[in-house]
N, C-alpha and C. Protein backbone atom coordinates (compact mmCIF):
# COMPACT_ATOMS: atom_id res chain seq x y z
N LEU A 1 -188.36 237.52 -23.72
CA LEU A 1 -189.30 236.46 -23.42
C LEU A 1 -189.94 235.93 -24.69
N LEU A 2 -190.41 236.83 -25.55
CA LEU A 2 -191.05 236.40 -26.79
C LEU A 2 -190.08 235.64 -27.67
N GLU A 3 -188.88 236.18 -27.82
CA GLU A 3 -187.88 235.53 -28.67
C GLU A 3 -187.52 234.14 -28.17
N ASP A 4 -187.47 233.97 -26.87
CA ASP A 4 -187.05 232.70 -26.28
C ASP A 4 -188.16 231.66 -26.24
N HIS A 5 -189.40 232.07 -26.50
CA HIS A 5 -190.51 231.13 -26.31
C HIS A 5 -191.49 231.11 -27.48
N VAL A 6 -190.99 231.31 -28.68
CA VAL A 6 -191.87 231.34 -29.86
C VAL A 6 -192.63 230.02 -30.01
N GLU A 7 -191.96 228.90 -29.84
CA GLU A 7 -192.63 227.61 -30.01
C GLU A 7 -193.78 227.45 -29.02
N GLU A 8 -193.55 227.85 -27.76
CA GLU A 8 -194.60 227.74 -26.75
C GLU A 8 -195.76 228.69 -27.05
N ILE A 9 -195.44 229.85 -27.61
CA ILE A 9 -196.49 230.80 -28.00
C ILE A 9 -197.35 230.16 -29.09
N HIS A 10 -196.71 229.58 -30.10
CA HIS A 10 -197.46 228.92 -31.18
C HIS A 10 -198.28 227.75 -30.65
N ALA A 11 -197.75 227.08 -29.64
CA ALA A 11 -198.46 225.94 -29.05
C ALA A 11 -199.56 226.40 -28.09
N ARG A 12 -199.66 227.71 -27.90
CA ARG A 12 -200.67 228.31 -27.03
C ARG A 12 -200.54 227.86 -25.57
N ASP A 13 -199.29 227.87 -25.09
CA ASP A 13 -199.02 227.52 -23.69
C ASP A 13 -199.73 228.54 -22.80
N LEU A 14 -200.76 228.11 -22.08
CA LEU A 14 -201.61 229.03 -21.33
C LEU A 14 -200.86 229.81 -20.26
N GLY A 15 -199.97 229.15 -19.54
CA GLY A 15 -199.20 229.85 -18.51
C GLY A 15 -198.36 230.96 -19.11
N LEU A 16 -197.68 230.67 -20.21
CA LEU A 16 -196.86 231.67 -20.88
C LEU A 16 -197.71 232.80 -21.45
N LEU A 17 -198.82 232.43 -22.10
CA LEU A 17 -199.69 233.46 -22.66
C LEU A 17 -200.25 234.39 -21.58
N LYS A 18 -200.60 233.82 -20.43
CA LYS A 18 -201.07 234.65 -19.32
C LYS A 18 -199.98 235.60 -18.86
N THR A 19 -198.75 235.12 -18.80
CA THR A 19 -197.62 235.96 -18.40
C THR A 19 -197.42 237.10 -19.39
N ILE A 20 -197.44 236.79 -20.67
CA ILE A 20 -197.24 237.80 -21.71
C ILE A 20 -198.37 238.83 -21.68
N ILE A 21 -199.60 238.35 -21.64
CA ILE A 21 -200.75 239.27 -21.65
C ILE A 21 -200.75 240.14 -20.40
N SER A 22 -200.45 239.54 -19.27
CA SER A 22 -200.40 240.31 -18.01
C SER A 22 -199.35 241.41 -18.09
N ARG A 23 -198.17 241.07 -18.60
CA ARG A 23 -197.10 242.07 -18.70
C ARG A 23 -197.48 243.19 -19.68
N CYS A 24 -198.09 242.82 -20.78
CA CYS A 24 -198.52 243.84 -21.74
C CYS A 24 -199.55 244.78 -21.12
N CYS A 25 -200.49 244.21 -20.38
CA CYS A 25 -201.51 245.03 -19.72
C CYS A 25 -200.88 245.96 -18.68
N GLN A 26 -199.91 245.43 -17.91
CA GLN A 26 -199.22 246.26 -16.92
C GLN A 26 -198.51 247.43 -17.58
N LEU A 27 -197.78 247.15 -18.66
CA LEU A 27 -197.04 248.21 -19.36
C LEU A 27 -197.98 249.26 -19.93
N LYS A 28 -199.06 248.81 -20.55
CA LYS A 28 -200.01 249.76 -21.12
C LYS A 28 -200.66 250.60 -20.02
N ALA A 29 -201.03 249.96 -18.93
CA ALA A 29 -201.66 250.70 -17.82
C ALA A 29 -200.72 251.75 -17.26
N GLN A 30 -199.44 251.43 -17.14
CA GLN A 30 -198.47 252.40 -16.64
C GLN A 30 -198.38 253.62 -17.55
N VAL A 31 -198.37 253.39 -18.84
CA VAL A 31 -198.29 254.50 -19.80
C VAL A 31 -199.57 255.32 -19.75
N VAL A 32 -200.72 254.66 -19.79
CA VAL A 32 -202.00 255.38 -19.78
C VAL A 32 -202.15 256.16 -18.48
N GLU A 33 -201.74 255.58 -17.37
CA GLU A 33 -201.82 256.28 -16.08
C GLU A 33 -201.00 257.57 -16.10
N GLN A 34 -199.86 257.54 -16.76
CA GLN A 34 -198.99 258.72 -16.81
C GLN A 34 -199.49 259.77 -17.80
N ASP A 35 -200.32 259.37 -18.75
CA ASP A 35 -200.83 260.30 -19.76
C ASP A 35 -202.30 259.98 -20.05
N GLU A 36 -203.10 259.99 -19.00
CA GLU A 36 -204.49 259.56 -19.08
C GLU A 36 -205.28 260.33 -20.12
N ARG A 37 -205.06 261.63 -20.23
CA ARG A 37 -205.83 262.47 -21.15
C ARG A 37 -205.07 262.78 -22.43
N GLU A 38 -204.01 262.06 -22.68
CA GLU A 38 -203.19 262.23 -23.89
C GLU A 38 -202.72 263.68 -24.06
N THR A 39 -202.21 264.24 -22.97
CA THR A 39 -201.75 265.63 -23.01
C THR A 39 -200.24 265.77 -23.12
N THR A 40 -199.49 264.74 -22.74
CA THR A 40 -198.02 264.85 -22.73
C THR A 40 -197.37 264.23 -23.95
N GLY A 41 -198.11 263.44 -24.72
CA GLY A 41 -197.54 262.75 -25.87
C GLY A 41 -196.98 261.38 -25.52
N LEU A 42 -196.85 261.08 -24.23
CA LEU A 42 -196.28 259.80 -23.82
C LEU A 42 -197.11 258.63 -24.36
N ARG A 43 -198.41 258.79 -24.33
CA ARG A 43 -199.29 257.69 -24.73
C ARG A 43 -199.08 257.27 -26.18
N ALA A 44 -198.56 258.16 -26.98
CA ALA A 44 -198.31 257.84 -28.38
C ALA A 44 -197.32 256.69 -28.54
N ILE A 45 -196.49 256.45 -27.52
CA ILE A 45 -195.51 255.36 -27.64
C ILE A 45 -196.19 254.00 -27.77
N LEU A 46 -197.45 253.91 -27.38
CA LEU A 46 -198.18 252.66 -27.52
C LEU A 46 -198.52 252.38 -28.98
N ASN A 47 -198.26 253.33 -29.84
CA ASN A 47 -198.64 253.22 -31.25
C ASN A 47 -197.46 252.93 -32.18
N TYR A 48 -196.46 252.24 -31.69
CA TYR A 48 -195.32 251.88 -32.53
C TYR A 48 -195.80 251.11 -33.77
N GLY A 49 -195.47 251.62 -34.94
CA GLY A 49 -195.86 251.00 -36.19
C GLY A 49 -197.22 251.42 -36.71
N HIS A 50 -198.00 252.11 -35.89
CA HIS A 50 -199.38 252.40 -36.25
C HIS A 50 -199.56 253.50 -37.29
N THR A 51 -198.65 254.44 -37.39
CA THR A 51 -198.80 255.47 -38.43
C THR A 51 -198.77 254.80 -39.80
N PHE A 52 -197.83 253.89 -39.99
CA PHE A 52 -197.76 253.13 -41.24
C PHE A 52 -198.94 252.16 -41.32
N CYS A 53 -199.22 251.46 -40.24
CA CYS A 53 -200.29 250.47 -40.18
C CYS A 53 -201.61 251.05 -40.63
N HIS A 54 -202.00 252.17 -40.08
CA HIS A 54 -203.29 252.76 -40.41
C HIS A 54 -203.36 253.15 -41.89
N ALA A 55 -202.23 253.56 -42.45
CA ALA A 55 -202.19 253.88 -43.88
C ALA A 55 -202.43 252.61 -44.71
N PHE A 56 -201.78 251.50 -44.34
CA PHE A 56 -202.00 250.23 -45.05
C PHE A 56 -203.47 249.82 -44.97
N GLU A 57 -204.05 249.93 -43.77
CA GLU A 57 -205.45 249.55 -43.60
C GLU A 57 -206.37 250.44 -44.41
N THR A 58 -206.12 251.74 -44.39
CA THR A 58 -206.97 252.69 -45.12
C THR A 58 -206.91 252.45 -46.62
N VAL A 59 -205.70 252.35 -47.14
CA VAL A 59 -205.53 252.20 -48.59
C VAL A 59 -206.09 250.88 -49.10
N THR A 60 -206.10 249.86 -48.26
CA THR A 60 -206.65 248.55 -48.67
C THR A 60 -208.09 248.35 -48.19
N ASN A 61 -208.72 249.42 -47.74
CA ASN A 61 -210.10 249.37 -47.26
C ASN A 61 -210.31 248.31 -46.17
N TYR A 62 -209.33 248.15 -45.32
CA TYR A 62 -209.41 247.25 -44.17
C TYR A 62 -209.72 245.81 -44.56
N GLY A 63 -209.41 245.43 -45.81
CA GLY A 63 -209.77 244.10 -46.26
C GLY A 63 -208.61 243.17 -46.55
N ARG A 64 -207.40 243.66 -46.48
CA ARG A 64 -206.27 242.82 -46.88
C ARG A 64 -205.48 242.25 -45.70
N PHE A 65 -205.36 243.04 -44.64
CA PHE A 65 -204.53 242.65 -43.50
C PHE A 65 -205.35 242.60 -42.23
N LEU A 66 -205.02 241.65 -41.37
CA LEU A 66 -205.48 241.74 -39.99
C LEU A 66 -204.74 242.91 -39.36
N HIS A 67 -205.30 243.49 -38.32
CA HIS A 67 -204.66 244.66 -37.71
C HIS A 67 -203.22 244.33 -37.27
N GLY A 68 -203.02 243.19 -36.65
CA GLY A 68 -201.68 242.80 -36.20
C GLY A 68 -200.70 242.64 -37.35
N GLU A 69 -201.18 242.18 -38.49
CA GLU A 69 -200.31 242.06 -39.66
C GLU A 69 -199.89 243.44 -40.15
N ALA A 70 -200.84 244.36 -40.20
CA ALA A 70 -200.53 245.73 -40.63
C ALA A 70 -199.59 246.40 -39.63
N VAL A 71 -199.76 246.13 -38.34
CA VAL A 71 -198.86 246.68 -37.32
C VAL A 71 -197.45 246.13 -37.53
N ALA A 72 -197.33 244.84 -37.79
CA ALA A 72 -196.00 244.24 -38.00
C ALA A 72 -195.29 244.90 -39.17
N ILE A 73 -195.98 245.08 -40.28
CA ILE A 73 -195.38 245.75 -41.44
C ILE A 73 -195.03 247.18 -41.07
N GLY A 74 -195.92 247.85 -40.33
CA GLY A 74 -195.67 249.21 -39.89
C GLY A 74 -194.46 249.31 -38.97
N MET A 75 -194.29 248.32 -38.10
CA MET A 75 -193.12 248.31 -37.22
C MET A 75 -191.83 248.20 -38.04
N MET A 76 -191.86 247.39 -39.08
CA MET A 76 -190.67 247.27 -39.92
C MET A 76 -190.40 248.59 -40.66
N CYS A 77 -191.44 249.23 -41.14
CA CYS A 77 -191.27 250.53 -41.80
C CYS A 77 -190.69 251.55 -40.81
N ALA A 78 -191.23 251.57 -39.60
CA ALA A 78 -190.75 252.51 -38.58
C ALA A 78 -189.29 252.23 -38.23
N ALA A 79 -188.93 250.97 -38.16
CA ALA A 79 -187.54 250.62 -37.85
C ALA A 79 -186.62 251.05 -38.99
N ARG A 80 -187.04 250.83 -40.24
CA ARG A 80 -186.21 251.27 -41.37
C ARG A 80 -186.07 252.79 -41.38
N LEU A 81 -187.16 253.48 -41.06
CA LEU A 81 -187.11 254.94 -40.99
C LEU A 81 -186.15 255.37 -39.89
N ALA A 82 -186.23 254.74 -38.73
CA ALA A 82 -185.33 255.08 -37.63
C ALA A 82 -183.87 254.83 -38.01
N GLU A 83 -183.62 253.74 -38.72
CA GLU A 83 -182.25 253.45 -39.14
C GLU A 83 -181.75 254.52 -40.11
N SER A 84 -182.60 254.93 -41.05
CA SER A 84 -182.18 255.94 -42.03
C SER A 84 -181.89 257.29 -41.37
N MET A 85 -182.45 257.49 -40.18
CA MET A 85 -182.22 258.73 -39.43
C MET A 85 -181.07 258.58 -38.43
N GLY A 86 -180.43 257.41 -38.42
CA GLY A 86 -179.30 257.19 -37.53
C GLY A 86 -179.70 256.94 -36.09
N ARG A 87 -180.95 256.56 -35.86
CA ARG A 87 -181.45 256.35 -34.49
C ARG A 87 -181.20 254.93 -33.99
N ILE A 88 -181.12 253.97 -34.90
CA ILE A 88 -180.87 252.57 -34.55
C ILE A 88 -179.93 251.96 -35.59
N ASP A 89 -179.47 250.74 -35.31
CA ASP A 89 -178.63 250.06 -36.29
C ASP A 89 -179.36 248.87 -36.89
N GLN A 90 -178.72 248.25 -37.88
CA GLN A 90 -179.31 247.12 -38.59
C GLN A 90 -179.59 245.94 -37.66
N GLN A 91 -178.84 245.81 -36.59
CA GLN A 91 -179.03 244.70 -35.66
C GLN A 91 -180.45 244.72 -35.05
N LEU A 92 -180.94 245.89 -34.70
CA LEU A 92 -182.29 245.98 -34.15
C LEU A 92 -183.31 245.57 -35.20
N ILE A 93 -183.13 246.03 -36.42
CA ILE A 93 -184.06 245.67 -37.50
C ILE A 93 -184.06 244.16 -37.70
N SER A 94 -182.88 243.56 -37.73
CA SER A 94 -182.77 242.11 -37.93
C SER A 94 -183.43 241.35 -36.79
N ARG A 95 -183.22 241.81 -35.59
CA ARG A 95 -183.80 241.13 -34.43
C ARG A 95 -185.33 241.22 -34.46
N GLN A 96 -185.83 242.41 -34.75
CA GLN A 96 -187.28 242.59 -34.84
C GLN A 96 -187.85 241.75 -35.97
N ALA A 97 -187.20 241.75 -37.12
CA ALA A 97 -187.67 240.97 -38.27
C ALA A 97 -187.68 239.48 -37.95
N ALA A 98 -186.68 239.01 -37.25
CA ALA A 98 -186.61 237.59 -36.89
C ALA A 98 -187.78 237.20 -35.99
N LEU A 99 -188.11 238.04 -35.02
CA LEU A 99 -189.22 237.73 -34.12
C LEU A 99 -190.55 237.76 -34.87
N LEU A 100 -190.76 238.78 -35.69
CA LEU A 100 -192.01 238.87 -36.44
C LEU A 100 -192.16 237.70 -37.41
N THR A 101 -191.06 237.33 -38.05
CA THR A 101 -191.08 236.18 -38.96
C THR A 101 -191.40 234.90 -38.20
N ALA A 102 -190.78 234.73 -37.04
CA ALA A 102 -191.03 233.55 -36.21
C ALA A 102 -192.50 233.48 -35.79
N CYS A 103 -193.13 234.63 -35.71
CA CYS A 103 -194.56 234.70 -35.34
C CYS A 103 -195.47 234.66 -36.56
N ASN A 104 -194.87 234.37 -37.72
CA ASN A 104 -195.62 234.24 -38.98
C ASN A 104 -196.32 235.53 -39.38
N LEU A 105 -195.68 236.65 -39.10
CA LEU A 105 -196.24 237.95 -39.48
C LEU A 105 -195.51 238.49 -40.71
N PRO A 106 -196.22 239.21 -41.57
CA PRO A 106 -195.58 239.78 -42.76
C PRO A 106 -194.66 240.94 -42.37
N LEU A 107 -193.64 241.15 -43.20
CA LEU A 107 -192.68 242.22 -42.93
C LEU A 107 -192.75 243.36 -43.94
N THR A 108 -193.25 243.07 -45.12
CA THR A 108 -193.27 244.08 -46.18
C THR A 108 -194.54 243.95 -47.01
N VAL A 109 -194.77 244.98 -47.76
CA VAL A 109 -195.81 244.95 -48.79
C VAL A 109 -195.24 245.76 -49.95
N SER A 110 -195.32 245.22 -51.14
CA SER A 110 -194.64 245.89 -52.26
C SER A 110 -195.59 246.38 -53.34
N ASP A 111 -196.85 246.05 -53.25
CA ASP A 111 -197.76 246.38 -54.35
C ASP A 111 -198.76 247.48 -54.03
N ILE A 112 -198.43 248.31 -53.05
CA ILE A 112 -199.30 249.44 -52.70
C ILE A 112 -198.56 250.73 -53.04
N ASP A 113 -199.24 251.63 -53.70
CA ASP A 113 -198.64 252.90 -54.13
C ASP A 113 -198.16 253.71 -52.92
N PRO A 114 -196.86 253.97 -52.83
CA PRO A 114 -196.35 254.75 -51.69
C PRO A 114 -196.99 256.12 -51.56
N GLU A 115 -197.34 256.73 -52.67
CA GLU A 115 -197.96 258.06 -52.60
C GLU A 115 -199.35 257.99 -51.98
N ALA A 116 -200.08 256.92 -52.25
CA ALA A 116 -201.39 256.74 -51.62
C ALA A 116 -201.22 256.53 -50.11
N LEU A 117 -200.18 255.80 -49.74
CA LEU A 117 -199.91 255.59 -48.31
C LEU A 117 -199.54 256.90 -47.62
N LEU A 118 -198.70 257.70 -48.27
CA LEU A 118 -198.32 259.00 -47.70
C LEU A 118 -199.54 259.90 -47.53
N ALA A 119 -200.43 259.89 -48.52
CA ALA A 119 -201.64 260.70 -48.43
C ALA A 119 -202.51 260.22 -47.26
N ALA A 120 -202.63 258.90 -47.09
CA ALA A 120 -203.43 258.36 -45.99
C ALA A 120 -202.82 258.72 -44.64
N MET A 121 -201.51 258.77 -44.56
CA MET A 121 -200.83 259.11 -43.31
C MET A 121 -201.14 260.53 -42.85
N GLN A 122 -201.47 261.39 -43.75
CA GLN A 122 -201.78 262.78 -43.38
C GLN A 122 -203.02 262.87 -42.51
N HIS A 123 -203.79 261.79 -42.44
CA HIS A 123 -205.00 261.78 -41.60
C HIS A 123 -204.77 261.09 -40.27
N ASP A 124 -203.53 260.71 -39.99
CA ASP A 124 -203.21 260.03 -38.73
C ASP A 124 -203.41 260.98 -37.56
N LYS A 125 -203.83 260.43 -36.42
CA LYS A 125 -204.09 261.28 -35.25
C LYS A 125 -202.81 261.90 -34.69
N LYS A 126 -201.64 261.41 -35.11
CA LYS A 126 -200.39 261.98 -34.62
C LYS A 126 -199.90 263.13 -35.50
N VAL A 127 -200.65 263.49 -36.55
CA VAL A 127 -200.29 264.66 -37.36
C VAL A 127 -200.53 265.90 -36.52
N GLU A 128 -199.54 266.75 -36.46
CA GLU A 128 -199.67 267.98 -35.70
C GLU A 128 -199.18 269.15 -36.55
N HIS A 129 -200.05 270.13 -36.75
CA HIS A 129 -199.74 271.30 -37.57
C HIS A 129 -199.30 270.89 -38.98
N GLY A 130 -199.98 269.87 -39.52
CA GLY A 130 -199.69 269.41 -40.87
C GLY A 130 -198.44 268.56 -41.00
N LYS A 131 -197.76 268.28 -39.89
CA LYS A 131 -196.53 267.48 -39.94
C LYS A 131 -196.76 266.12 -39.31
N LEU A 132 -196.30 265.11 -40.02
CA LEU A 132 -196.39 263.75 -39.49
C LEU A 132 -195.43 263.57 -38.33
N ARG A 133 -195.88 262.82 -37.35
CA ARG A 133 -195.01 262.43 -36.24
C ARG A 133 -195.01 260.91 -36.20
N PHE A 134 -193.87 260.35 -35.89
CA PHE A 134 -193.71 258.91 -35.89
C PHE A 134 -193.21 258.42 -34.55
N VAL A 135 -193.66 257.24 -34.16
CA VAL A 135 -193.12 256.55 -33.00
C VAL A 135 -191.99 255.68 -33.53
N LEU A 136 -190.75 256.05 -33.16
CA LEU A 136 -189.58 255.35 -33.70
C LEU A 136 -188.75 254.74 -32.59
N PRO A 137 -188.20 253.56 -32.87
CA PRO A 137 -187.38 252.90 -31.84
C PRO A 137 -186.03 253.57 -31.66
N THR A 138 -185.54 253.48 -30.43
CA THR A 138 -184.18 253.91 -30.11
C THR A 138 -183.34 252.70 -29.70
N LYS A 139 -184.03 251.67 -29.19
CA LYS A 139 -183.45 250.37 -28.87
C LYS A 139 -184.62 249.43 -28.63
N ILE A 140 -184.33 248.14 -28.51
CA ILE A 140 -185.41 247.18 -28.28
C ILE A 140 -186.16 247.57 -27.01
N GLY A 141 -187.48 247.71 -27.15
CA GLY A 141 -188.32 248.03 -26.01
C GLY A 141 -188.45 249.50 -25.70
N HIS A 142 -187.82 250.37 -26.48
CA HIS A 142 -187.89 251.81 -26.22
C HIS A 142 -188.13 252.55 -27.53
N VAL A 143 -189.09 253.47 -27.47
CA VAL A 143 -189.42 254.29 -28.64
C VAL A 143 -189.56 255.74 -28.21
N GLU A 144 -189.54 256.62 -29.20
CA GLU A 144 -189.75 258.05 -28.97
C GLU A 144 -190.66 258.60 -30.05
N LEU A 145 -191.39 259.64 -29.73
CA LEU A 145 -192.22 260.34 -30.69
C LEU A 145 -191.33 261.35 -31.41
N VAL A 146 -191.27 261.25 -32.73
CA VAL A 146 -190.35 262.07 -33.53
C VAL A 146 -191.15 262.83 -34.58
N ASP A 147 -190.90 264.14 -34.66
CA ASP A 147 -191.55 264.91 -35.70
C ASP A 147 -190.49 265.49 -36.64
N ASP A 148 -190.94 266.25 -37.60
CA ASP A 148 -190.05 266.87 -38.58
C ASP A 148 -189.24 265.81 -39.32
N VAL A 149 -189.93 264.79 -39.82
CA VAL A 149 -189.30 263.70 -40.54
C VAL A 149 -189.42 263.97 -42.04
N SER A 150 -188.34 263.78 -42.75
CA SER A 150 -188.31 263.98 -44.20
C SER A 150 -189.25 263.00 -44.90
N MET A 151 -190.12 263.50 -45.76
CA MET A 151 -191.02 262.64 -46.51
C MET A 151 -190.25 261.72 -47.45
N ASP A 152 -189.08 262.13 -47.90
CA ASP A 152 -188.26 261.24 -48.73
C ASP A 152 -187.82 260.02 -47.93
N LEU A 153 -187.48 260.22 -46.65
CA LEU A 153 -187.09 259.09 -45.80
C LEU A 153 -188.29 258.19 -45.52
N VAL A 154 -189.46 258.79 -45.33
CA VAL A 154 -190.68 258.01 -45.09
C VAL A 154 -190.99 257.17 -46.34
N ARG A 155 -190.91 257.82 -47.49
CA ARG A 155 -191.15 257.12 -48.76
C ARG A 155 -190.18 255.95 -48.92
N ALA A 156 -188.93 256.16 -48.60
CA ALA A 156 -187.92 255.09 -48.70
C ALA A 156 -188.23 253.95 -47.73
N ALA A 157 -188.70 254.28 -46.54
CA ALA A 157 -189.04 253.25 -45.55
C ALA A 157 -190.22 252.40 -46.03
N LEU A 158 -191.10 252.98 -46.82
CA LEU A 158 -192.24 252.26 -47.36
C LEU A 158 -191.86 251.32 -48.48
N THR A 159 -190.83 251.67 -49.21
CA THR A 159 -190.51 250.92 -50.44
C THR A 159 -189.28 250.02 -50.31
N THR A 160 -188.67 250.00 -49.15
CA THR A 160 -187.47 249.19 -48.97
C THR A 160 -187.83 247.75 -48.74
């Protein structure tokens, strides 16, 4: 829906925006209902891109990116990480990048120290027993919570 209606989204077509917002609310409510107290880990899927996003926001003192911009960059980092782990192919990354670009969202950031970002990620709420966990795509519209991720792969996803 988003890919097919980018122009109408930019034009702020109220009917379409209501449809999109309604669907997003329905999906979020379904996930929260299934994991209301955040005990199963399911609710973490709502945080696609956020482990990277929060690091960008922290390192830049919340002054450089709007939250959605940081999420978009984080989604691209998560997709690159997933690809390096053999979880997705380049086609998904290209499709996601095309949609984010069409929505005028940034895809990368190159002037932030990756080591500072990695240090900031250690404070993410998805860190468990000192290990980072990431919400990574398996296909368009589906993600999984993944732990035991190589920091070298995370570093590469930040700098690619």
